Amino acid sequence: MRTGVATPQAPVFPRYGLGLESIGLSCGEMWGATGSIPGYETLSFADATGERRMTLSVNVQRNDPGAVRMLLGAIDALNRYFCGEPYRLPAGAEAAQLRRP
């Protein structure tokens, strides 16, 4: 499930496997899933051992102009939890590229 194909159009989420996707954090790649329904976006990821897990649900509409800022805040929270430091976008990535395949 962690053998994923590259998703270069979404550098924050660099690979997609069989039902799992990765998120590129400053301390490495974490695997989990994201999902949304109108009004909510959920991110749920774990470290390689599965001992550390974090799930966030953000009350946001994907077409809301403030959605990117809110989702970056959620990714920052994941990065601070897993890596102990603030999140920085990958080199060459723009905030608008948060969209997943």
PDB file of N, CA and C in Angstrom:
ATOM      1  N   MET A   1       0.817  -1.201   0.000  1.00  0.00           N
ATOM      2  CA  MET A   1       0.000   0.000   0.000  1.00  0.00           C
ATOM      3  C   MET A   1       0.856   1.258   0.000  1.00  0.00           C
ATOM      4  N   ARG A   2       2.109   1.140   0.444  1.00  0.00           N
ATOM      5  CA  ARG A   2       2.996   2.303   0.477  1.00  0.00           C
ATOM      6  C   ARG A   2       3.908   2.386  -0.739  1.00  0.00           C
ATOM      7  N   THR A   3       3.694   1.512  -1.709  1.00  0.00           N
ATOM      8  CA  THR A   3       4.419   1.633  -2.966  1.00  0.00           C
ATOM      9  C   THR A   3       3.556   2.477  -3.877  1.00  0.00           C
ATOM     10  N   GLY A   4       3.836   3.759  -3.890  1.00  0.00           N
ATOM     11  CA  GLY A   4       2.960   4.672  -4.604  1.00  0.00           C
ATOM     12  C   GLY A   4       3.537   5.172  -5.903  1.00  0.00           C
ATOM     13  N   VAL A   5       2.649   5.693  -6.723  1.00  0.00           N
ATOM     14  CA  VAL A   5       3.065   6.356  -7.954  1.00  0.00           C
ATOM     15  C   VAL A   5       3.258   7.837  -7.646  1.00  0.00           C
ATOM     16  N   ALA A   6       4.173   8.449  -8.335  1.00  0.00           N
ATOM     17  CA  ALA A   6       4.465   9.866  -8.118  1.00  0.00           C
ATOM     18  C   ALA A   6       3.289  10.729  -8.569  1.00  0.00           C
ATOM     19  N   THR A   7       3.048  11.791  -7.812  1.00  0.00           N
ATOM     20  CA  THR A   7       2.011  12.761  -8.160  1.00  0.00           C
ATOM     21  C   THR A   7       2.662  14.147  -8.239  1.00  0.00           C
ATOM     22  N   PRO A   8       3.425  14.401  -9.322  1.00  0.00           N
ATOM     23  CA  PRO A   8       4.168  15.659  -9.423  1.00  0.00           C
ATOM     24  C   PRO A   8       3.284  16.898  -9.466  1.00  0.00           C
ATOM     25  N   GLN A   9       2.017  16.760  -9.801  1.00  0.00           N
ATOM     26  CA  GLN A   9       1.118  17.906  -9.828  1.00  0.00           C
ATOM     27  C   GLN A   9       0.721  18.349  -8.417  1.00  0.00           C
ATOM     28  N   ALA A  10       1.043  17.567  -7.412  1.00  0.00           N
ATOM     29  CA  ALA A  10       0.689  17.879  -6.020  1.00  0.00           C
ATOM     30  C   ALA A  10       1.897  17.614  -5.133  1.00  0.00           C
ATOM     31  N   PRO A  11       2.896  18.499  -5.123  1.00  0.00           N
ATOM     32  CA  PRO A  11       4.146  18.211  -4.412  1.00  0.00           C
ATOM     33  C   PRO A  11       4.025  18.055  -2.904  1.00  0.00           C
ATOM     34  N   VAL A  12       2.976  18.586  -2.300  1.00  0.00           N
ATOM     35  CA  VAL A  12       2.790  18.398  -0.857  1.00  0.00           C
ATOM     36  C   VAL A  12       2.406  16.942  -0.573  1.00  0.00           C
ATOM     37  N   PHE A  13       1.710  16.326  -1.514  1.00  0.00           N
ATOM     38  CA  PHE A  13       1.296  14.928  -1.422  1.00  0.00           C
ATOM     39  C   PHE A  13       2.004  14.167  -2.556  1.00  0.00           C
ATOM     40  N   PRO A  14       3.286  13.779  -2.372  1.00  0.00           N
ATOM     41  CA  PRO A  14       4.116  13.324  -3.489  1.00  0.00           C
ATOM     42  C   PRO A  14       3.803  11.958  -4.096  1.00  0.00           C
ATOM     43  N   ARG A  15       3.131  11.067  -3.345  1.00  0.00           N
ATOM     44  CA  ARG A  15       2.861   9.735  -3.908  1.00  0.00           C
ATOM     45  C   ARG A  15       1.486   9.244  -3.472  1.00  0.00           C
ATOM     46  N   TYR A  16       0.888   8.416  -4.321  1.00  0.00           N
ATOM     47  CA  TYR A  16      -0.401   7.802  -4.024  1.00  0.00           C
ATOM     48  C   TYR A  16      -0.258   6.304  -4.210  1.00  0.00           C
ATOM     49  N   GLY A  17      -0.638   5.535  -3.179  1.00  0.00           N
ATOM     50  CA  GLY A  17      -0.549   4.075  -3.240  1.00  0.00           C
ATOM     51  C   GLY A  17      -1.924   3.459  -3.370  1.00  0.00           C
ATOM     52  N   LEU A  18      -2.078   2.250  -2.881  1.00  0.00           N
ATOM     53  CA  LEU A  18      -3.365   1.552  -2.921  1.00  0.00           C
ATOM     54  C   LEU A  18      -4.210   1.976  -1.726  1.00  0.00           C
ATOM     55  N   GLY A  19      -4.898   3.084  -1.860  1.00  0.00           N
ATOM     56  CA  GLY A  19      -5.750   3.581  -0.792  1.00  0.00           C
ATOM     57  C   GLY A  19      -5.058   4.493   0.196  1.00  0.00           C
ATOM     58  N   LEU A  20      -3.747   4.641   0.088  1.00  0.00           N
ATOM     59  CA  LEU A  20      -2.997   5.540   0.959  1.00  0.00           C
ATOM     60  C   LEU A  20      -2.309   6.601   0.113  1.00  0.00           C
ATOM     61  N   GLU A  21      -2.065   7.731   0.706  1.00  0.00           N
ATOM     62  CA  GLU A  21      -1.269   8.750   0.045  1.00  0.00           C
ATOM     63  C   GLU A  21      -0.212   9.238   1.022  1.00  0.00           C
ATOM     64  N   SER A  22       0.848   9.773   0.475  1.00  0.00           N
ATOM     65  CA  SER A  22       1.911  10.266   1.339  1.00  0.00           C
ATOM     66  C   SER A  22       1.839  11.777   1.441  1.00  0.00           C
ATOM     67  N   ILE A  23       2.387  12.274   2.527  1.00  0.00           N
ATOM     68  CA  ILE A  23       2.547  13.704   2.707  1.00  0.00           C
ATOM     69  C   ILE A  23       4.028  13.938   2.987  1.00  0.00           C
ATOM     70  N   GLY A  24       4.604  14.889   2.273  1.00  0.00           N
ATOM     71  CA  GLY A  24       6.020  15.185   2.440  1.00  0.00           C
ATOM     72  C   GLY A  24       6.215  16.222   3.540  1.00  0.00           C
ATOM     73  N   LEU A  25       6.692  15.776   4.684  1.00  0.00           N
ATOM     74  CA  LEU A  25       6.957  16.678   5.804  1.00  0.00           C
ATOM     75  C   LEU A  25       8.455  16.941   5.888  1.00  0.00           C
ATOM     76  N   SER A  26       8.851  17.872   6.716  1.00  0.00           N
ATOM     77  CA  SER A  26      10.264  18.244   6.786  1.00  0.00           C
ATOM     78  C   SER A  26      11.150  17.111   7.305  1.00  0.00           C
ATOM     79  N   CYS A  27      10.578  16.162   8.050  1.00  0.00           N
ATOM     80  CA  CYS A  27      11.371  15.049   8.588  1.00  0.00           C
ATOM     81  C   CYS A  27      11.147  13.753   7.818  1.00  0.00           C
ATOM     82  N   GLY A  28      10.456  13.825   6.695  1.00  0.00           N
ATOM     83  CA  GLY A  28      10.248  12.635   5.880  1.00  0.00           C
ATOM     84  C   GLY A  28       8.811  12.483   5.431  1.00  0.00           C
ATOM     85  N   GLU A  29       8.567  11.351   4.838  1.00  0.00           N
ATOM     86  CA  GLU A  29       7.266  11.058   4.262  1.00  0.00           C
ATOM     87  C   GLU A  29       6.407  10.279   5.262  1.00  0.00           C
ATOM     88  N   MET A  30       5.173  10.706   5.444  1.00  0.00           N
ATOM     89  CA  MET A  30       4.214   9.995   6.283  1.00  0.00           C
ATOM     90  C   MET A  30       3.101   9.491   5.370  1.00  0.00           C
ATOM     91  N   TRP A  31       2.498   8.379   5.735  1.00  0.00           N
ATOM     92  CA  TRP A  31       1.425   7.796   4.931  1.00  0.00           C
ATOM     93  C   TRP A  31       0.112   7.857   5.670  1.00  0.00           C
ATOM     94  N   GLY A  32      -0.960   8.041   4.936  1.00  0.00           N
ATOM     95  CA  GLY A  32      -2.288   8.107   5.517  1.00  0.00           C
ATOM     96  C   GLY A  32      -3.308   8.366   4.434  1.00  0.00           C
ATOM     97  N   ALA A  33      -4.264   9.218   4.766  1.00  0.00           N
ATOM     98  CA  ALA A  33      -5.333   9.511   3.815  1.00  0.00           C
ATOM     99  C   ALA A  33      -5.905  10.893   4.088  1.00  0.00           C
ATOM    100  N   THR A  34      -6.508  11.429   3.061  1.00  0.00           N
ATOM    101  CA  THR A  34      -7.263  12.669   3.199  1.00  0.00           C
ATOM    102  C   THR A  34      -8.638  12.428   2.600  1.00  0.00           C
ATOM    103  N   GLY A  35      -9.546  13.282   2.945  1.00  0.00           N
ATOM    104  CA  GLY A  35     -10.879  13.164   2.387  1.00  0.00           C
ATOM    105  C   GLY A  35     -11.660  14.425   2.659  1.00  0.00           C
ATOM    106  N   SER A  36     -12.744  14.566   1.938  1.00  0.00           N
ATOM    107  CA  SER A  36     -13.566  15.749   2.156  1.00  0.00           C
ATOM    108  C   SER A  36     -15.019  15.455   1.831  1.00  0.00           C
ATOM    109  N   ILE A  37     -15.861  16.169   2.502  1.00  0.00           N
ATOM    110  CA  ILE A  37     -17.275  16.266   2.189  1.00  0.00           C
ATOM    111  C   ILE A  37     -17.568  17.752   2.254  1.00  0.00           C
ATOM    112  N   PRO A  38     -18.655  18.214   1.688  1.00  0.00           N
ATOM    113  CA  PRO A  38     -18.915  19.656   1.721  1.00  0.00           C
ATOM    114  C   PRO A  38     -18.814  20.223   3.145  1.00  0.00           C
ATOM    115  N   GLY A  39     -17.893  21.157   3.300  1.00  0.00           N
ATOM    116  CA  GLY A  39     -17.716  21.825   4.584  1.00  0.00           C
ATOM    117  C   GLY A  39     -16.589  21.283   5.442  1.00  0.00           C
ATOM    118  N   TYR A  40     -16.007  20.139   5.059  1.00  0.00           N
ATOM    119  CA  TYR A  40     -14.954  19.526   5.882  1.00  0.00           C
ATOM    120  C   TYR A  40     -13.842  18.954   5.020  1.00  0.00           C
ATOM    121  N   GLU A  41     -12.638  19.063   5.513  1.00  0.00           N
ATOM    122  CA  GLU A  41     -11.466  18.414   4.924  1.00  0.00           C
ATOM    123  C   GLU A  41     -10.772  17.683   6.072  1.00  0.00           C
ATOM    124  N   THR A  42     -10.463  16.419   5.897  1.00  0.00           N
ATOM    125  CA  THR A  42      -9.829  15.624   6.946  1.00  0.00           C
ATOM    126  C   THR A  42      -8.494  15.094   6.453  1.00  0.00           C
ATOM    127  N   LEU A  43      -7.494  15.162   7.322  1.00  0.00           N
ATOM    128  CA  LEU A  43      -6.167  14.632   7.046  1.00  0.00           C
ATOM    129  C   LEU A  43      -5.831  13.670   8.178  1.00  0.00           C
ATOM    130  N   SER A  44      -5.407  12.469   7.854  1.00  0.00           N
ATOM    131  CA  SER A  44      -5.065  11.473   8.868  1.00  0.00           C
ATOM    132  C   SER A  44      -3.795  10.751   8.426  1.00  0.00           C
ATOM    133  N   PHE A  45      -2.720  10.903   9.210  1.00  0.00           N
ATOM    134  CA  PHE A  45      -1.430  10.328   8.841  1.00  0.00           C
ATOM    135  C   PHE A  45      -0.766   9.672  10.042  1.00  0.00           C
ATOM    136  N   ALA A  46       0.180   8.766   9.756  1.00  0.00           N
ATOM    137  CA  ALA A  46       0.917   8.052  10.803  1.00  0.00           C
ATOM    138  C   ALA A  46       2.383   7.965  10.420  1.00  0.00           C
ATOM    139  N   ASP A  47       3.232   7.785  11.438  1.00  0.00           N
ATOM    140  CA  ASP A  47       4.646   7.564  11.150  1.00  0.00           C
ATOM    141  C   ASP A  47       4.835   6.127  10.649  1.00  0.00           C
ATOM    142  N   ALA A  48       6.057   5.795  10.265  1.00  0.00           N
ATOM    143  CA  ALA A  48       6.328   4.482   9.667  1.00  0.00           C
ATOM    144  C   ALA A  48       5.996   3.323  10.610  1.00  0.00           C
ATOM    145  N   THR A  49       6.122   3.527  11.927  1.00  0.00           N
ATOM    146  CA  THR A  49       5.851   2.455  12.883  1.00  0.00           C
ATOM    147  C   THR A  49       4.370   2.341  13.224  1.00  0.00           C
ATOM    148  N   GLY A  50       3.616   3.395  12.953  1.00  0.00           N
ATOM    149  CA  GLY A  50       2.207   3.420  13.316  1.00  0.00           C
ATOM    150  C   GLY A  50       1.969   3.796  14.765  1.00  0.00           C
ATOM    151  N   GLU A  51       3.043   4.049  15.503  1.00  0.00           N
ATOM    152  CA  GLU A  51       2.902   4.404  16.913  1.00  0.00           C
ATOM    153  C   GLU A  51       2.442   5.840  17.111  1.00  0.00           C
ATOM    154  N   ARG A  52       2.782   6.711  16.181  1.00  0.00           N
ATOM    155  CA  ARG A  52       2.360   8.114  16.260  1.00  0.00           C
ATOM    156  C   ARG A  52       1.402   8.387  15.121  1.00  0.00           C
ATOM    157  N   ARG A  53       0.220   8.852  15.483  1.00  0.00           N
ATOM    158  CA  ARG A  53      -0.827   9.120  14.499  1.00  0.00           C
ATOM    159  C   ARG A  53      -1.460  10.459  14.819  1.00  0.00           C
ATOM    160  N   MET A  54      -1.964  11.121  13.771  1.00  0.00           N
ATOM    161  CA  MET A  54      -2.677  12.377  13.981  1.00  0.00           C
ATOM    162  C   MET A  54      -3.758  12.507  12.921  1.00  0.00           C
ATOM    163  N   THR A  55      -4.936  12.888  13.358  1.00  0.00           N
ATOM    164  CA  THR A  55      -6.062  13.147  12.466  1.00  0.00           C
ATOM    165  C   THR A  55      -6.572  14.551  12.736  1.00  0.00           C
ATOM    166  N   LEU A  56      -6.757  15.296  11.672  1.00  0.00           N
ATOM    167  CA  LEU A  56      -7.280  16.660  11.765  1.00  0.00           C
ATOM    168  C   LEU A  56      -8.497  16.776  10.867  1.00  0.00           C
ATOM    169  N   SER A  57      -9.490  17.492  11.330  1.00  0.00           N
ATOM    170  CA  SER A  57     -10.645  17.809  10.511  1.00  0.00           C
ATOM    171  C   SER A  57     -10.787  19.320  10.505  1.00  0.00           C
ATOM    172  N   VAL A  58     -10.802  19.895   9.312  1.00  0.00           N
ATOM    173  CA  VAL A  58     -10.873  21.337   9.152  1.00  0.00           C
ATOM    174  C   VAL A  58     -12.228  21.691   8.562  1.00  0.00           C
ATOM    175  N   ASN A  59     -12.897  22.635   9.169  1.00  0.00           N
ATOM    176  CA  ASN A  59     -14.195  23.091   8.686  1.00  0.00           C
ATOM    177  C   ASN A  59     -13.955  24.119   7.581  1.00  0.00           C
ATOM    178  N   VAL A  60     -13.965  23.659   6.331  1.00  0.00           N
ATOM    179  CA  VAL A  60     -13.653  24.528   5.194  1.00  0.00           C
ATOM    180  C   VAL A  60     -14.296  23.975   3.922  1.00  0.00           C
ATOM    181  N   GLN A  61     -14.674  24.857   3.042  1.00  0.00           N
ATOM    182  CA  GLN A  61     -15.124  24.480   1.704  1.00  0.00           C
ATOM    183  C   GLN A  61     -13.930  24.587   0.774  1.00  0.00           C
ATOM    184  N   ARG A  62     -13.700  23.607  -0.084  1.00  0.00           N
ATOM    185  CA  ARG A  62     -12.533  23.624  -0.973  1.00  0.00           C
ATOM    186  C   ARG A  62     -12.503  24.855  -1.887  1.00  0.00           C
ATOM    187  N   ASN A  63     -13.658  25.402  -2.250  1.00  0.00           N
ATOM    188  CA  ASN A  63     -13.683  26.566  -3.141  1.00  0.00           C
ATOM    189  C   ASN A  63     -13.640  27.892  -2.378  1.00  0.00           C
ATOM    190  N   ASP A  64     -13.526  27.865  -1.070  1.00  0.00           N
ATOM    191  CA  ASP A  64     -13.416  29.071  -0.254  1.00  0.00           C
ATOM    192  C   ASP A  64     -12.045  29.708  -0.501  1.00  0.00           C
ATOM    193  N   PRO A  65     -11.978  31.029  -0.714  1.00  0.00           N
ATOM    194  CA  PRO A  65     -10.684  31.681  -0.937  1.00  0.00           C
ATOM    195  C   PRO A  65      -9.691  31.481   0.214  1.00  0.00           C
ATOM    196  N   GLY A  66     -10.150  31.235   1.413  1.00  0.00           N
ATOM    197  CA  GLY A  66      -9.267  31.015   2.556  1.00  0.00           C
ATOM    198  C   GLY A  66      -8.897  29.558   2.773  1.00  0.00           C
ATOM    199  N   ALA A  67      -9.346  28.658   1.899  1.00  0.00           N
ATOM    200  CA  ALA A  67      -9.122  27.227   2.096  1.00  0.00           C
ATOM    201  C   ALA A  67      -7.642  26.859   2.083  1.00  0.00           C
ATOM    202  N   VAL A  68      -6.881  27.421   1.170  1.00  0.00           N
ATOM    203  CA  VAL A  68      -5.458  27.071   1.077  1.00  0.00           C
ATOM    204  C   VAL A  68      -4.738  27.437   2.368  1.00  0.00           C
ATOM    205  N   ARG A  69      -5.016  28.629   2.888  1.00  0.00           N
ATOM    206  CA  ARG A  69      -4.381  29.068   4.133  1.00  0.00           C
ATOM    207  C   ARG A  69      -4.745  28.130   5.281  1.00  0.00           C
ATOM    208  N   MET A  70      -6.005  27.715   5.356  1.00  0.00           N
ATOM    209  CA  MET A  70      -6.439  26.815   6.427  1.00  0.00           C
ATOM    210  C   MET A  70      -5.810  25.432   6.277  1.00  0.00           C
ATOM    211  N   LEU A  71      -5.719  24.926   5.046  1.00  0.00           N
ATOM    212  CA  LEU A  71      -5.114  23.611   4.836  1.00  0.00           C
ATOM    213  C   LEU A  71      -3.615  23.642   5.110  1.00  0.00           C
ATOM    214  N   LEU A  72      -2.960  24.747   4.773  1.00  0.00           N
ATOM    215  CA  LEU A  72      -1.546  24.879   5.130  1.00  0.00           C
ATOM    216  C   LEU A  72      -1.368  24.891   6.642  1.00  0.00           C
ATOM    217  N   GLY A  73      -2.324  25.477   7.358  1.00  0.00           N
ATOM    218  CA  GLY A  73      -2.288  25.448   8.819  1.00  0.00           C
ATOM    219  C   GLY A  73      -2.403  24.030   9.347  1.00  0.00           C
ATOM    220  N   ALA A  74      -3.255  23.224   8.728  1.00  0.00           N
ATOM    221  CA  ALA A  74      -3.403  21.822   9.140  1.00  0.00           C
ATOM    222  C   ALA A  74      -2.114  21.040   8.856  1.00  0.00           C
ATOM    223  N   ILE A  75      -1.511  21.284   7.698  1.00  0.00           N
ATOM    224  CA  ILE A  75      -0.259  20.610   7.362  1.00  0.00           C
ATOM    225  C   ILE A  75       0.846  21.058   8.317  1.00  0.00           C
ATOM    226  N   ASP A  76       0.845  22.336   8.686  1.00  0.00           N
ATOM    227  CA  ASP A  76       1.815  22.835   9.658  1.00  0.00           C
ATOM    228  C   ASP A  76       1.645  22.106  10.997  1.00  0.00           C
ATOM    229  N   ALA A  77       0.396  21.884  11.420  1.00  0.00           N
ATOM    230  CA  ALA A  77       0.151  21.157  12.675  1.00  0.00           C
ATOM    231  C   ALA A  77       0.696  19.729  12.591  1.00  0.00           C
ATOM    232  N   LEU A  78       0.488  19.054  11.454  1.00  0.00           N
ATOM    233  CA  LEU A  78       1.050  17.709  11.271  1.00  0.00           C
ATOM    234  C   LEU A  78       2.571  17.745  11.350  1.00  0.00           C
ATOM    235  N   ASN A  79       3.177  18.724  10.686  1.00  0.00           N
ATOM    236  CA  ASN A  79       4.636  18.820  10.673  1.00  0.00           C
ATOM    237  C   ASN A  79       5.180  19.092  12.072  1.00  0.00           C
ATOM    238  N   ARG A  80       4.532  19.963  12.812  1.00  0.00           N
ATOM    239  CA  ARG A  80       4.981  20.259  14.173  1.00  0.00           C
ATOM    240  C   ARG A  80       4.866  19.025  15.066  1.00  0.00           C
ATOM    241  N   TYR A  81       3.818  18.237  14.892  1.00  0.00           N
ATOM    242  CA  TYR A  81       3.626  17.034  15.700  1.00  0.00           C
ATOM    243  C   TYR A  81       4.676  15.969  15.363  1.00  0.00           C
ATOM    244  N   PHE A  82       4.815  15.664  14.073  1.00  0.00           N
ATOM    245  CA  PHE A  82       5.733  14.594  13.674  1.00  0.00           C
ATOM    246  C   PHE A  82       7.196  15.029  13.667  1.00  0.00           C
ATOM    247  N   CYS A  83       7.471  16.282  13.313  1.00  0.00           N
ATOM    248  CA  CYS A  83       8.852  16.716  13.081  1.00  0.00           C
ATOM    249  C   CYS A  83       9.359  17.722  14.109  1.00  0.00           C
ATOM    250  N   GLY A  84       8.465  18.328  14.881  1.00  0.00           N
ATOM    251  CA  GLY A  84       8.877  19.279  15.899  1.00  0.00           C
ATOM    252  C   GLY A  84       9.315  20.631  15.371  1.00  0.00           C
ATOM    253  N   GLU A  85       8.865  20.984  14.156  1.00  0.00           N
ATOM    254  CA  GLU A  85       9.218  22.280  13.586  1.00  0.00           C
ATOM    255  C   GLU A  85       8.127  22.743  12.623  1.00  0.00           C
ATOM    256  N   PRO A  86       8.107  24.045  12.288  1.00  0.00           N
ATOM    257  CA  PRO A  86       7.107  24.552  11.350  1.00  0.00           C
ATOM    258  C   PRO A  86       7.272  23.941   9.952  1.00  0.00           C
ATOM    259  N   TYR A  87       6.179  23.897   9.217  1.00  0.00           N
ATOM    260  CA  TYR A  87       6.167  23.354   7.852  1.00  0.00           C
ATOM    261  C   TYR A  87       6.605  24.425   6.852  1.00  0.00           C
ATOM    262  N   ARG A  88       7.348  23.994   5.855  1.00  0.00           N
ATOM    263  CA  ARG A  88       7.718  24.858   4.735  1.00  0.00           C
ATOM    264  C   ARG A  88       7.353  24.123   3.447  1.00  0.00           C
ATOM    265  N   LEU A  89       6.729  24.846   2.519  1.00  0.00           N
ATOM    266  CA  LEU A  89       6.381  24.238   1.235  1.00  0.00           C
ATOM    267  C   LEU A  89       7.630  23.701   0.546  1.00  0.00           C
ATOM    268  N   PRO A  90       7.503  22.598  -0.196  1.00  0.00           N
ATOM    269  CA  PRO A  90       8.645  22.084  -0.955  1.00  0.00           C
ATOM    270  C   PRO A  90       9.140  23.129  -1.952  1.00  0.00           C
ATOM    271  N   ALA A  91      10.412  23.091  -2.275  1.00  0.00           N
ATOM    272  CA  ALA A  91      10.983  24.032  -3.230  1.00  0.00           C
ATOM    273  C   ALA A  91      10.203  23.995  -4.537  1.00  0.00           C
ATOM    274  N   GLY A  92       9.843  25.170  -5.022  1.00  0.00           N
ATOM    275  CA  GLY A  92       9.123  25.279  -6.283  1.00  0.00           C
ATOM    276  C   GLY A  92       7.628  25.046  -6.177  1.00  0.00           C
ATOM    277  N   ALA A  93       7.138  24.714  -5.011  1.00  0.00           N
ATOM    278  CA  ALA A  93       5.697  24.464  -4.850  1.00  0.00           C
ATOM    279  C   ALA A  93       4.977  25.764  -4.550  1.00  0.00           C
ATOM    280  N   GLU A  94       3.788  25.874  -5.057  1.00  0.00           N
ATOM    281  CA  GLU A  94       2.931  27.013  -4.749  1.00  0.00           C
ATOM    282  C   GLU A  94       1.771  26.503  -3.919  1.00  0.00           C
ATOM    283  N   ALA A  95       1.235  27.351  -3.080  1.00  0.00           N
ATOM    284  CA  ALA A  95       0.135  26.946  -2.201  1.00  0.00           C
ATOM    285  C   ALA A  95      -1.048  26.397  -2.984  1.00  0.00           C
ATOM    286  N   ALA A  96      -1.273  26.891  -4.183  1.00  0.00           N
ATOM    287  CA  ALA A  96      -2.403  26.424  -4.994  1.00  0.00           C
ATOM    288  C   ALA A  96      -2.225  24.961  -5.397  1.00  0.00           C
ATOM    289  N   GLN A  97      -1.037  24.392  -5.271  1.00  0.00           N
ATOM    290  CA  GLN A  97      -0.780  23.020  -5.667  1.00  0.00           C
ATOM    291  C   GLN A  97      -1.101  22.027  -4.561  1.00  0.00           C
ATOM    292  N   LEU A  98      -1.857  22.434  -3.575  1.00  0.00           N
ATOM    293  CA  LEU A  98      -2.256  21.504  -2.519  1.00  0.00           C
ATOM    294  C   LEU A  98      -3.244  20.472  -3.017  1.00  0.00           C
ATOM    295  N   ARG A  99      -3.825  20.706  -4.173  1.00  0.00           N
ATOM    296  CA  ARG A  99      -4.816  19.758  -4.695  1.00  0.00           C
ATOM    297  C   ARG A  99      -4.187  18.396  -4.903  1.00  0.00           C
ATOM    298  N   ARG A 100      -4.944  17.379  -4.554  1.00  0.00           N
ATOM    299  CA  ARG A 100      -4.482  16.000  -4.745  1.00  0.00           C
ATOM    300  C   ARG A 100      -5.059  15.460  -6.038  1.00  0.00           C
ATOM    301  N   PRO A 101      -4.487  14.349  -6.533  1.00  0.00           N
ATOM    302  CA  PRO A 101      -5.001  13.758  -7.772  1.00  0.00           C
ATOM    303  C   PRO A 101      -6.416  13.264  -7.604  1.00  0.00           C
TER     304      PRO A 101
END
